[in-house]
Every structure is written in C-alpha cells, then in structure tokens.
Amino acid sequence: MKGMRNRIAHGYFEINLETVWETIQTALPSLIEQLPAIRDSVR
C-alpha cells in the first residue's frame, strides 16, 4: 500500500484504476481490522 500511495501521488496519468480497485478490495479489509490495535498502541 505504501508503494500504491507513491504511485498515486506522483503518477497522475499512469494510474491503473483496476489495480487501485484490486488493492482496495484486498488490502483495505485487513487494514480496517488492524485499526483498533494501531489506535490503541499510540495512546
């Protein structure tokens, strides 16, 4: 996902929306599950 951020921020006309959607569908659910633990660790 870090690489995806760099690609989106700097590759304005080279963004493959299918790849973005695939990343959202596969990586986001896992990240959402981890958010409470991440939040608790910075308190």
PDB file of N, CA and C in Angstrom:
ATOM      1  N   MET A   1       0.828  -1.193   0.000  1.00  0.00           N
ATOM      2  CA  MET A   1       0.000   0.000   0.000  1.00  0.00           C
ATOM      3  C   MET A   1       0.866   1.248   0.000  1.00  0.00           C
ATOM      4  N   LYS A   2       2.021   1.168   0.625  1.00  0.00           N
ATOM      5  CA  LYS A   2       2.929   2.310   0.616  1.00  0.00           C
ATOM      6  C   LYS A   2       3.329   2.647  -0.816  1.00  0.00           C
ATOM      7  N   GLY A   3       3.651   1.630  -1.579  1.00  0.00           N
ATOM      8  CA  GLY A   3       4.004   1.832  -2.976  1.00  0.00           C
ATOM      9  C   GLY A   3       2.844   2.404  -3.770  1.00  0.00           C
ATOM     10  N   MET A   4       1.628   1.987  -3.427  1.00  0.00           N
ATOM     11  CA  MET A   4       0.435   2.489  -4.110  1.00  0.00           C
ATOM     12  C   MET A   4       0.290   3.988  -3.850  1.00  0.00           C
ATOM     13  N   ARG A   5       0.546   4.410  -2.639  1.00  0.00           N
ATOM     14  CA  ARG A   5       0.439   5.832  -2.306  1.00  0.00           C
ATOM     15  C   ARG A   5       1.405   6.650  -3.150  1.00  0.00           C
ATOM     16  N   ASN A   6       2.642   6.182  -3.254  1.00  0.00           N
ATOM     17  CA  ASN A   6       3.631   6.903  -4.050  1.00  0.00           C
ATOM     18  C   ASN A   6       3.217   6.964  -5.515  1.00  0.00           C
ATOM     19  N   ARG A   7       2.686   5.877  -6.009  1.00  0.00           N
ATOM     20  CA  ARG A   7       2.265   5.814  -7.412  1.00  0.00           C
ATOM     21  C   ARG A   7       1.131   6.804  -7.673  1.00  0.00           C
ATOM     22  N   ILE A   8       0.166   6.854  -6.776  1.00  0.00           N
ATOM     23  CA  ILE A   8      -0.968   7.765  -6.948  1.00  0.00           C
ATOM     24  C   ILE A   8      -0.515   9.220  -6.821  1.00  0.00           C
ATOM     25  N   ALA A   9       0.367   9.487  -5.857  1.00  0.00           N
ATOM     26  CA  ALA A   9       0.807  10.860  -5.622  1.00  0.00           C
ATOM     27  C   ALA A   9       1.684  11.393  -6.747  1.00  0.00           C
ATOM     28  N   HIS A  10       2.424  10.529  -7.416  1.00  0.00           N
ATOM     29  CA  HIS A  10       3.397  11.014  -8.394  1.00  0.00           C
ATOM     30  C   HIS A  10       3.158  10.539  -9.824  1.00  0.00           C
ATOM     31  N   GLY A  11       2.217   9.651 -10.035  1.00  0.00           N
ATOM     32  CA  GLY A  11       1.986   9.124 -11.380  1.00  0.00           C
ATOM     33  C   GLY A  11       0.605   9.473 -11.881  1.00  0.00           C
ATOM     34  N   TYR A  12       0.306  10.739 -11.884  1.00  0.00           N
ATOM     35  CA  TYR A  12      -1.044  11.221 -12.147  1.00  0.00           C
ATOM     36  C   TYR A  12      -1.709  10.580 -13.365  1.00  0.00           C
ATOM     37  N   PHE A  13      -0.980  10.442 -14.467  1.00  0.00           N
ATOM     38  CA  PHE A  13      -1.599   9.957 -15.688  1.00  0.00           C
ATOM     39  C   PHE A  13      -1.312   8.480 -15.935  1.00  0.00           C
ATOM     40  N   GLU A  14      -0.666   7.838 -14.987  1.00  0.00           N
ATOM     41  CA  GLU A  14      -0.305   6.439 -15.144  1.00  0.00           C
ATOM     42  C   GLU A  14      -1.039   5.542 -14.156  1.00  0.00           C
ATOM     43  N   ILE A  15      -2.094   6.021 -13.558  1.00  0.00           N
ATOM     44  CA  ILE A  15      -2.813   5.259 -12.549  1.00  0.00           C
ATOM     45  C   ILE A  15      -3.735   4.262 -13.235  1.00  0.00           C
ATOM     46  N   ASN A  16      -3.590   2.993 -12.858  1.00  0.00           N
ATOM     47  CA  ASN A  16      -4.447   1.945 -13.373  1.00  0.00           C
ATOM     48  C   ASN A  16      -5.575   1.744 -12.364  1.00  0.00           C
ATOM     49  N   LEU A  17      -6.763   2.174 -12.727  1.00  0.00           N
ATOM     50  CA  LEU A  17      -7.883   2.122 -11.783  1.00  0.00           C
ATOM     51  C   LEU A  17      -8.251   0.695 -11.389  1.00  0.00           C
ATOM     52  N   GLU A  18      -8.022  -0.257 -12.257  1.00  0.00           N
ATOM     53  CA  GLU A  18      -8.285  -1.650 -11.903  1.00  0.00           C
ATOM     54  C   GLU A  18      -7.348  -2.111 -10.785  1.00  0.00           C
ATOM     55  N   THR A  19      -6.101  -1.676 -10.836  1.00  0.00           N
ATOM     56  CA  THR A  19      -5.139  -2.017  -9.789  1.00  0.00           C
ATOM     57  C   THR A  19      -5.507  -1.339  -8.484  1.00  0.00           C
ATOM     58  N   VAL A  20      -5.934  -0.091  -8.559  1.00  0.00           N
ATOM     59  CA  VAL A  20      -6.365   0.629  -7.353  1.00  0.00           C
ATOM     60  C   VAL A  20      -7.551  -0.102  -6.722  1.00  0.00           C
ATOM     61  N   TRP A  21      -8.528  -0.484  -7.526  1.00  0.00           N
ATOM     62  CA  TRP A  21      -9.720  -1.168  -7.010  1.00  0.00           C
ATOM     63  C   TRP A  21      -9.347  -2.516  -6.403  1.00  0.00           C
ATOM     64  N   GLU A  22      -8.459  -3.247  -7.063  1.00  0.00           N
ATOM     65  CA  GLU A  22      -7.996  -4.542  -6.547  1.00  0.00           C
ATOM     66  C   GLU A  22      -7.319  -4.361  -5.191  1.00  0.00           C
ATOM     67  N   THR A  23      -6.499  -3.341  -5.064  1.00  0.00           N
ATOM     68  CA  THR A  23      -5.819  -3.075  -3.798  1.00  0.00           C
ATOM     69  C   THR A  23      -6.823  -2.729  -2.710  1.00  0.00           C
ATOM     70  N   ILE A  24      -7.809  -1.927  -3.047  1.00  0.00           N
ATOM     71  CA  ILE A  24      -8.852  -1.566  -2.078  1.00  0.00           C
ATOM     72  C   ILE A  24      -9.567  -2.809  -1.586  1.00  0.00           C
ATOM     73  N   GLN A  25      -9.927  -3.673  -2.510  1.00  0.00           N
ATOM     74  CA  GLN A  25     -10.690  -4.867  -2.146  1.00  0.00           C
ATOM     75  C   GLN A  25      -9.875  -5.869  -1.339  1.00  0.00           C
ATOM     76  N   THR A  26      -8.578  -5.964  -1.602  1.00  0.00           N
ATOM     77  CA  THR A  26      -7.781  -6.983  -0.913  1.00  0.00           C
ATOM     78  C   THR A  26      -7.091  -6.460   0.336  1.00  0.00           C
ATOM     79  N   ALA A  27      -6.609  -5.232   0.328  1.00  0.00           N
ATOM     80  CA  ALA A  27      -5.826  -4.723   1.454  1.00  0.00           C
ATOM     81  C   ALA A  27      -6.665  -3.987   2.488  1.00  0.00           C
ATOM     82  N   LEU A  28      -7.697  -3.314   2.071  1.00  0.00           N
ATOM     83  CA  LEU A  28      -8.469  -2.481   2.988  1.00  0.00           C
ATOM     84  C   LEU A  28      -9.159  -3.267   4.102  1.00  0.00           C
ATOM     85  N   PRO A  29      -9.788  -4.403   3.814  1.00  0.00           N
ATOM     86  CA  PRO A  29     -10.425  -5.134   4.918  1.00  0.00           C
ATOM     87  C   PRO A  29      -9.445  -5.511   6.035  1.00  0.00           C
ATOM     88  N   SER A  30      -8.254  -5.941   5.661  1.00  0.00           N
ATOM     89  CA  SER A  30      -7.239  -6.289   6.661  1.00  0.00           C
ATOM     90  C   SER A  30      -6.821  -5.065   7.459  1.00  0.00           C
ATOM     91  N   LEU A  31      -6.637  -3.952   6.776  1.00  0.00           N
ATOM     92  CA  LEU A  31      -6.245  -2.720   7.458  1.00  0.00           C
ATOM     93  C   LEU A  31      -7.327  -2.274   8.435  1.00  0.00           C
ATOM     94  N   ILE A  32      -8.562  -2.355   8.028  1.00  0.00           N
ATOM     95  CA  ILE A  32      -9.673  -1.954   8.901  1.00  0.00           C
ATOM     96  C   ILE A  32      -9.683  -2.796  10.170  1.00  0.00           C
ATOM     97  N   GLU A  33      -9.404  -4.098  10.038  1.00  0.00           N
ATOM     98  CA  GLU A  33      -9.358  -4.965  11.216  1.00  0.00           C
ATOM     99  C   GLU A  33      -8.225  -4.571  12.152  1.00  0.00           C
ATOM    100  N   GLN A  34      -7.124  -4.061  11.611  1.00  0.00           N
ATOM    101  CA  GLN A  34      -5.958  -3.710  12.416  1.00  0.00           C
ATOM    102  C   GLN A  34      -6.060  -2.328  13.062  1.00  0.00           C
ATOM    103  N   LEU A  35      -6.951  -1.488  12.584  1.00  0.00           N
ATOM    104  CA  LEU A  35      -7.019  -0.110  13.065  1.00  0.00           C
ATOM    105  C   LEU A  35      -7.210   0.033  14.577  1.00  0.00           C
ATOM    106  N   PRO A  36      -8.106  -0.733  15.210  1.00  0.00           N
ATOM    107  CA  PRO A  36      -8.239  -0.569  16.663  1.00  0.00           C
ATOM    108  C   PRO A  36      -6.927  -0.829  17.412  1.00  0.00           C
ATOM    109  N   ALA A  37      -6.197  -1.852  17.028  1.00  0.00           N
ATOM    110  CA  ALA A  37      -4.919  -2.152  17.692  1.00  0.00           C
ATOM    111  C   ALA A  37      -3.900  -1.050  17.425  1.00  0.00           C
ATOM    112  N   ILE A  38      -3.877  -0.541  16.214  1.00  0.00           N
ATOM    113  CA  ILE A  38      -2.963   0.557  15.882  1.00  0.00           C
ATOM    114  C   ILE A  38      -3.306   1.787  16.705  1.00  0.00           C
ATOM    115  N   ARG A  39      -4.580   2.113  16.766  1.00  0.00           N
ATOM    116  CA  ARG A  39      -5.019   3.262  17.557  1.00  0.00           C
ATOM    117  C   ARG A  39      -4.655   3.100  19.025  1.00  0.00           C
ATOM    118  N   ASP A  40      -4.884   1.919  19.567  1.00  0.00           N
ATOM    119  CA  ASP A  40      -4.594   1.672  20.983  1.00  0.00           C
ATOM    120  C   ASP A  40      -3.094   1.742  21.279  1.00  0.00           C
ATOM    121  N   SER A  41      -2.271   1.389  20.295  1.00  0.00           N
ATOM    122  CA  SER A  41      -0.827   1.369  20.530  1.00  0.00           C
ATOM    123  C   SER A  41      -0.221   2.775  20.572  1.00  0.00           C
ATOM    124  N   VAL A  42      -0.924   3.767  20.073  1.00  0.00           N
ATOM    125  CA  VAL A  42      -0.388   5.129  20.081  1.00  0.00           C
ATOM    126  C   VAL A  42      -0.979   5.989  21.186  1.00  0.00           C
ATOM    127  N   ARG A  43      -1.797   5.414  21.977  1.00  0.00           N
ATOM    128  CA  ARG A  43      -2.388   6.161  23.100  1.00  0.00           C
ATOM    129  C   ARG A  43      -1.500   6.177  24.282  1.00  0.00           C
TER     130      ARG A  43
END
